[in-house]
Amino acid sequence: MKRLIILLLLTSGIKAQMVIITTPGDSAMNCGNYALAISLFKDMVKQERKTANDSVVADIDMYNISCAYARMNNKDSAFAWLNRYCDLDGLKDPDYYNLIDDPRWIQVRERASRQYFKEHPGYNKEKVFALWRIDIQDQAFYAAIKILTNVPGYDKEAVKQLWAKKDSLNKVNLAKIREMGFPPKEEVGVGNLTSMIMVIQHSTLDVQKEFFPAVKKMADKGDIRKEIFALLTDRILVSEGKKQIYGSQVKTDSTGKQVFFPMEDELNVNKRRAEMGLEPIEAYAKRFGFEYHYDPK
């Protein structure tokens, strides 16, 4: 699913602020009302055509229609709309999980990736495609789980089944990662390597510790962003009952509030975060809906 993002220029263009536009169709998607979302997105496409609005907006709405059909497992309609709008990002969208084993997916993938591989002639096509699939499988079902758990008295058994599916997919991804190894960034790019690391992040402590030396080596070489290594470091420390270093891990306390897991040398956490390319912890906390203030106690 895509959302329209615009940049507002401030102070004579010196600064810019990113603004995400949420439409009624987006809201319907977030609630799991896909039939309504499709209807609203189709109305938007018609309106944009009549008024000759920016074609980018119409493209995004057509893309979201394909996402809604894919979530409903209506493959024919999903491909029909996906073929009207397709780009690189779409090939890694978890909304398309239900489509990736369909023969038509290969055709869409080939058409959409032509320009991408022209811009990256040294990339290994087979490995890149494998990592795109890993990315889709790693992120699959998060939207469905969020939708279900936002319903009062939600079906816990249905959520449990989705988590079981995710666990199964994670095992498939890990097997593929062990088979492939970690390709050099020159073959697949930093972004695609990140997909592999996220699978490890979502695995058990034993798996995280198994791959930790390799991930550190890649971070030191610049094959992956340092922030990804920082997240893995904190996950392992927290799982072992130790204090985190970079303040990336958040929990819900006994009162229902979001708080950080205990941090080592908390006073200097922002210095360490900056070294790893992470935003200040105050801004990071706001992403989770709470305010952070250092308490020396």
Protein backbone atom coordinates (compact mmCIF):
# COMPACT_ATOMS: atom_id res chain seq x y z
CA MET A 1 0.00 0.00 0.00
CA LYS A 2 1.26 3.48 -0.86
CA ARG A 3 0.44 6.90 0.48
CA LEU A 4 0.91 10.25 -1.17
CA ILE A 5 3.92 12.06 0.28
CA ILE A 6 4.63 15.71 -0.40
CA LEU A 7 7.41 18.01 0.71
CA LEU A 8 6.53 21.41 2.08
CA LEU A 9 9.36 23.88 1.60
CA LEU A 10 9.93 26.13 4.58
CA THR A 11 12.07 29.26 5.08
CA SER A 12 12.60 30.08 1.43
CA GLY A 13 13.30 26.47 0.52
CA ILE A 14 16.07 25.99 3.06
CA LYS A 15 14.11 23.40 5.00
CA ALA A 16 11.53 20.86 3.93
CA GLN A 17 8.88 19.00 5.88
CA MET A 18 7.51 15.65 4.72
CA VAL A 19 3.73 15.38 4.88
CA ILE A 20 1.85 12.10 4.37
CA ILE A 21 -1.63 12.52 2.89
CA THR A 22 -4.18 10.01 4.21
CA THR A 23 -7.30 9.51 2.10
CA PRO A 24 -10.63 7.82 3.00
CA GLY A 25 -9.45 4.85 0.94
CA ASP A 26 -6.34 4.57 3.11
CA SER A 27 -8.50 4.63 6.24
CA ALA A 28 -10.73 1.87 4.89
CA MET A 29 -7.63 -0.25 4.09
CA ASN A 30 -6.31 0.27 7.61
CA CYS A 31 -9.61 -0.99 9.02
CA GLY A 32 -9.63 -4.05 6.79
CA ASN A 33 -12.68 -2.92 4.80
CA TYR A 34 -11.14 -3.73 1.43
CA ALA A 35 -14.35 -3.62 -0.60
CA LEU A 36 -14.98 -0.05 0.58
CA ALA A 37 -11.34 0.87 0.00
CA ILE A 38 -11.51 -0.37 -3.59
CA SER A 39 -14.68 1.61 -4.23
CA LEU A 40 -13.15 4.79 -2.80
CA PHE A 41 -9.89 4.39 -4.70
CA LYS A 42 -11.78 3.77 -7.96
CA ASP A 43 -13.81 6.94 -7.40
CA MET A 44 -10.56 8.84 -6.87
CA VAL A 45 -9.11 7.49 -10.12
CA LYS A 46 -12.21 8.60 -12.04
CA GLN A 47 -12.09 12.05 -10.45
CA GLU A 48 -8.39 12.46 -11.18
CA ARG A 49 -8.92 11.53 -14.82
CA LYS A 50 -11.80 13.97 -15.23
CA THR A 51 -9.96 16.86 -13.64
CA ALA A 52 -6.61 16.00 -15.25
CA ASN A 53 -4.93 15.97 -11.87
CA ASP A 54 -1.35 14.86 -11.35
CA SER A 55 -1.00 11.39 -12.85
CA VAL A 56 1.18 10.38 -9.88
CA VAL A 57 -1.87 10.57 -7.62
CA ALA A 58 -3.93 8.42 -9.98
CA ASP A 59 -1.09 5.90 -10.20
CA ILE A 60 -0.96 5.58 -6.42
CA ASP A 61 -4.71 4.98 -6.22
CA MET A 62 -4.51 2.28 -8.93
CA TYR A 63 -1.62 0.70 -7.08
CA ASN A 64 -3.64 0.65 -3.84
CA ILE A 65 -6.57 -0.96 -5.64
CA SER A 66 -4.26 -3.80 -6.64
CA CYS A 67 -3.05 -4.06 -3.03
CA ALA A 68 -6.61 -4.32 -1.72
CA TYR A 69 -7.51 -7.05 -4.20
CA ALA A 70 -4.30 -8.91 -3.31
CA ARG A 71 -5.13 -8.80 0.41
CA MET A 72 -8.54 -10.25 -0.48
CA ASN A 73 -6.74 -12.96 -2.50
CA ASN A 74 -8.60 -11.86 -5.63
CA LYS A 75 -5.61 -12.52 -7.87
CA ASP A 76 -7.21 -11.79 -11.25
CA SER A 77 -8.31 -8.30 -10.23
CA ALA A 78 -5.04 -7.66 -8.37
CA PHE A 79 -2.97 -8.43 -11.46
CA ALA A 80 -5.32 -6.47 -13.71
CA TRP A 81 -4.73 -3.31 -11.67
CA LEU A 82 -1.09 -4.06 -10.93
CA ASN A 83 -0.40 -4.23 -14.66
CA ARG A 84 -1.72 -0.68 -14.97
CA TYR A 85 0.77 0.57 -12.43
CA CYS A 86 3.92 -1.18 -11.34
CA ASP A 87 7.25 -0.01 -9.95
CA LEU A 88 10.15 -1.33 -7.92
CA ASP A 89 8.58 -0.63 -4.53
CA GLY A 90 5.56 -2.67 -5.49
CA LEU A 91 7.70 -5.73 -5.99
CA LYS A 92 8.56 -5.74 -2.29
CA ASP A 93 5.16 -4.81 -0.92
CA PRO A 94 3.90 -7.42 1.59
CA ASP A 95 0.38 -6.79 0.35
CA TYR A 96 1.37 -8.92 -2.65
CA TYR A 97 2.20 -12.03 -0.65
CA ASN A 98 -0.77 -13.90 -2.15
CA LEU A 99 0.54 -13.22 -5.68
CA ILE A 100 4.19 -14.28 -5.54
CA ASP A 101 3.60 -17.94 -6.45
CA ASP A 102 1.37 -17.10 -9.40
CA PRO A 103 3.07 -17.39 -12.85
CA ARG A 104 1.83 -13.89 -13.67
CA TRP A 105 4.03 -12.50 -10.89
CA ILE A 106 7.15 -13.39 -12.88
CA GLN A 107 5.88 -11.38 -15.85
CA VAL A 108 5.10 -8.37 -13.70
CA ARG A 109 8.46 -8.61 -11.95
CA GLU A 110 10.38 -8.78 -15.23
CA ARG A 111 8.60 -5.77 -16.70
CA ALA A 112 8.91 -3.67 -13.59
CA SER A 113 12.59 -4.39 -13.00
CA ARG A 114 13.97 -3.48 -16.44
CA GLN A 115 14.84 0.07 -15.54
CA TYR A 116 16.13 -0.98 -12.14
CA PHE A 117 18.72 -3.34 -13.60
CA LYS A 118 19.68 -0.80 -16.23
CA GLU A 119 20.56 1.54 -13.38
CA HIS A 120 22.40 -1.27 -11.53
CA PRO A 121 24.08 -3.33 -14.28
CA GLY A 122 26.38 -5.13 -11.83
CA TYR A 123 23.58 -6.59 -9.73
CA ASN A 124 22.90 -10.33 -9.74
CA LYS A 125 19.33 -10.56 -10.97
CA GLU A 126 18.59 -13.98 -9.49
CA LYS A 127 19.84 -12.97 -6.04
CA VAL A 128 18.00 -9.64 -6.09
CA PHE A 129 14.74 -11.38 -6.96
CA ALA A 130 15.33 -13.87 -4.14
CA LEU A 131 15.84 -11.01 -1.67
CA TRP A 132 12.68 -9.23 -2.86
CA ARG A 133 10.75 -12.40 -2.10
CA ILE A 134 12.39 -12.69 1.31
CA ASP A 135 11.35 -9.09 2.04
CA ILE A 136 7.72 -9.76 1.11
CA GLN A 137 7.58 -12.92 3.21
CA ASP A 138 9.24 -11.23 6.18
CA GLN A 139 6.70 -8.38 6.27
CA ALA A 140 3.63 -10.44 5.33
CA PHE A 141 0.61 -10.47 7.68
CA TYR A 142 1.69 -7.58 9.91
CA ALA A 143 -1.12 -5.41 8.50
CA ALA A 144 -3.69 -8.18 9.02
CA ILE A 145 -2.52 -8.75 12.61
CA LYS A 146 -2.74 -5.04 13.37
CA ILE A 147 -6.25 -4.83 11.92
CA LEU A 148 -7.46 -7.82 13.91
CA THR A 149 -5.97 -6.72 17.23
CA ASN A 150 -7.53 -3.25 16.90
CA VAL A 151 -11.01 -4.80 17.08
CA PRO A 152 -12.48 -4.95 20.62
CA GLY A 153 -12.74 -8.57 21.72
CA TYR A 154 -10.72 -9.64 18.70
CA ASP A 155 -10.37 -13.26 17.60
CA LYS A 156 -7.23 -14.34 19.46
CA GLU A 157 -7.15 -17.71 17.71
CA ALA A 158 -7.09 -16.00 14.29
CA VAL A 159 -4.19 -13.81 15.40
CA LYS A 160 -2.39 -16.85 16.80
CA GLN A 161 -2.74 -18.57 13.42
CA LEU A 162 -1.27 -15.57 11.60
CA TRP A 163 1.73 -15.50 13.93
CA ALA A 164 2.18 -19.22 13.26
CA LYS A 165 2.23 -18.48 9.52
CA LYS A 166 4.83 -15.78 10.10
CA ASP A 167 6.95 -18.20 12.11
CA SER A 168 6.76 -20.69 9.27
CA LEU A 169 7.75 -18.07 6.70
CA ASN A 170 10.65 -16.97 8.87
CA LYS A 171 12.00 -20.52 8.84
CA VAL A 172 11.72 -20.58 5.04
CA ASN A 173 13.57 -17.27 4.83
CA LEU A 174 16.32 -18.44 7.18
CA ALA A 175 16.85 -21.56 5.12
CA LYS A 176 17.22 -19.42 2.00
CA ILE A 177 19.66 -17.06 3.74
CA ARG A 178 21.82 -19.98 4.87
CA GLU A 179 21.76 -21.32 1.32
CA MET A 180 22.69 -17.98 -0.27
CA GLY A 181 25.02 -16.57 2.35
CA PHE A 182 25.39 -12.80 2.41
CA PRO A 183 26.14 -11.53 -1.12
CA PRO A 184 28.48 -8.54 -1.51
CA LYS A 185 26.63 -5.23 -1.69
CA GLU A 186 28.03 -4.83 -5.23
CA GLU A 187 25.81 -7.77 -6.28
CA VAL A 188 22.54 -6.80 -4.59
CA GLY A 189 22.83 -3.35 -2.99
CA VAL A 190 22.62 -2.16 0.61
CA GLY A 191 18.82 -2.01 0.69
CA ASN A 192 18.38 -5.60 -0.42
CA LEU A 193 20.93 -6.86 2.12
CA THR A 194 18.87 -5.12 4.79
CA SER A 195 15.98 -7.47 3.98
CA MET A 196 18.14 -10.40 5.06
CA ILE A 197 19.10 -8.71 8.32
CA MET A 198 15.45 -8.00 9.15
CA VAL A 199 14.71 -11.72 8.93
CA ILE A 200 17.44 -12.30 11.51
CA GLN A 201 16.06 -9.49 13.68
CA HIS A 202 12.69 -11.28 13.74
CA SER A 203 14.20 -14.64 14.66
CA THR A 204 15.04 -16.32 17.95
CA LEU A 205 17.89 -15.23 20.20
CA ASP A 206 19.99 -18.21 19.12
CA VAL A 207 19.64 -17.23 15.46
CA GLN A 208 20.42 -13.58 16.21
CA LYS A 209 23.59 -14.56 18.06
CA GLU A 210 24.55 -17.00 15.29
CA PHE A 211 24.52 -14.28 12.63
CA PHE A 212 25.74 -11.42 14.84
CA PRO A 213 29.45 -11.64 13.81
CA ALA A 214 28.55 -11.62 10.11
CA VAL A 215 26.19 -8.66 10.54
CA LYS A 216 28.86 -6.73 12.47
CA LYS A 217 31.38 -7.42 9.72
CA MET A 218 28.99 -6.11 7.07
CA ALA A 219 28.27 -2.99 9.13
CA ASP A 220 32.00 -2.33 9.57
CA LYS A 221 32.53 -2.68 5.81
CA GLY A 222 29.59 -0.43 4.97
CA ASP A 223 27.66 -3.22 3.26
CA ILE A 224 24.67 -2.44 5.51
CA ARG A 225 23.65 0.65 7.45
CA LYS A 226 25.07 0.84 10.95
CA GLU A 227 21.63 1.50 12.38
CA ILE A 228 20.56 -2.04 11.41
CA PHE A 229 23.47 -3.46 13.39
CA ALA A 230 22.54 -1.22 16.34
CA LEU A 231 19.01 -2.62 16.38
CA LEU A 232 20.27 -6.20 16.35
CA THR A 233 22.73 -5.42 19.16
CA ASP A 234 19.97 -4.03 21.37
CA ARG A 235 17.61 -6.90 20.63
CA ILE A 236 20.18 -9.44 21.75
CA LEU A 237 21.08 -7.50 24.90
CA VAL A 238 17.44 -7.05 25.92
CA SER A 239 16.67 -10.72 25.28
CA GLU A 240 19.57 -11.64 27.56
CA GLY A 241 18.23 -9.38 30.32
CA LYS A 242 21.00 -6.81 29.87
CA LYS A 243 20.86 -3.05 29.32
CA GLN A 244 20.58 -1.90 25.72
CA ILE A 245 23.19 0.41 24.23
CA TYR A 246 21.36 2.44 21.59
CA GLY A 247 17.87 2.79 23.06
CA SER A 248 16.07 1.11 20.17
CA GLN A 249 13.91 -1.30 22.15
CA VAL A 250 10.56 -0.25 23.61
CA LYS A 251 8.15 -2.10 25.92
CA THR A 252 4.78 -1.56 27.59
CA ASP A 253 5.06 -1.05 31.35
CA SER A 254 2.64 -2.18 34.07
CA THR A 255 0.52 0.94 33.61
CA GLY A 256 0.09 0.36 29.88
CA LYS A 257 2.53 3.10 28.86
CA GLN A 258 5.29 2.75 26.28
CA VAL A 259 8.78 3.06 27.79
CA PHE A 260 12.33 2.17 26.85
CA PHE A 261 14.03 -0.94 28.15
CA PRO A 262 16.86 0.04 30.54
CA MET A 263 19.86 1.67 28.85
CA GLU A 264 23.57 1.58 29.53
CA ASP A 265 24.99 5.07 30.20
CA GLU A 266 21.64 6.64 29.35
CA LEU A 267 22.96 10.18 29.58
CA ASN A 268 25.11 9.64 26.47
CA VAL A 269 22.71 7.51 24.47
CA ASN A 270 22.18 10.20 21.81
CA LYS A 271 25.92 10.36 21.16
CA ARG A 272 25.98 6.63 20.48
CA ARG A 273 22.83 6.85 18.38
CA ALA A 274 24.36 9.57 16.22
CA GLU A 275 27.41 7.41 15.61
CA MET A 276 25.12 4.71 14.23
CA GLY A 277 23.04 7.07 12.08
CA LEU A 278 20.04 7.01 14.41
CA GLU A 279 17.84 10.00 15.17
CA PRO A 280 17.80 11.53 18.69
CA ILE A 281 16.01 9.31 21.17
CA GLU A 282 13.43 12.03 21.91
CA ALA A 283 12.27 11.94 18.28
CA TYR A 284 12.39 8.15 18.23
CA ALA A 285 10.12 7.99 21.30
CA LYS A 286 7.50 10.14 19.56
CA ARG A 287 7.27 7.50 16.82
CA PHE A 288 5.95 5.18 19.52
CA GLY A 289 3.57 7.78 20.89
CA PHE A 290 5.32 8.87 24.08
CA GLU A 291 7.61 11.60 25.39
CA TYR A 292 11.10 10.79 26.59
CA HIS A 293 13.07 12.81 29.14
CA TYR A 294 16.31 11.70 30.71
CA ASP A 295 15.87 10.91 34.38
CA PRO A 296 19.21 10.70 36.27
CA LYS A 297 17.54 8.57 38.95
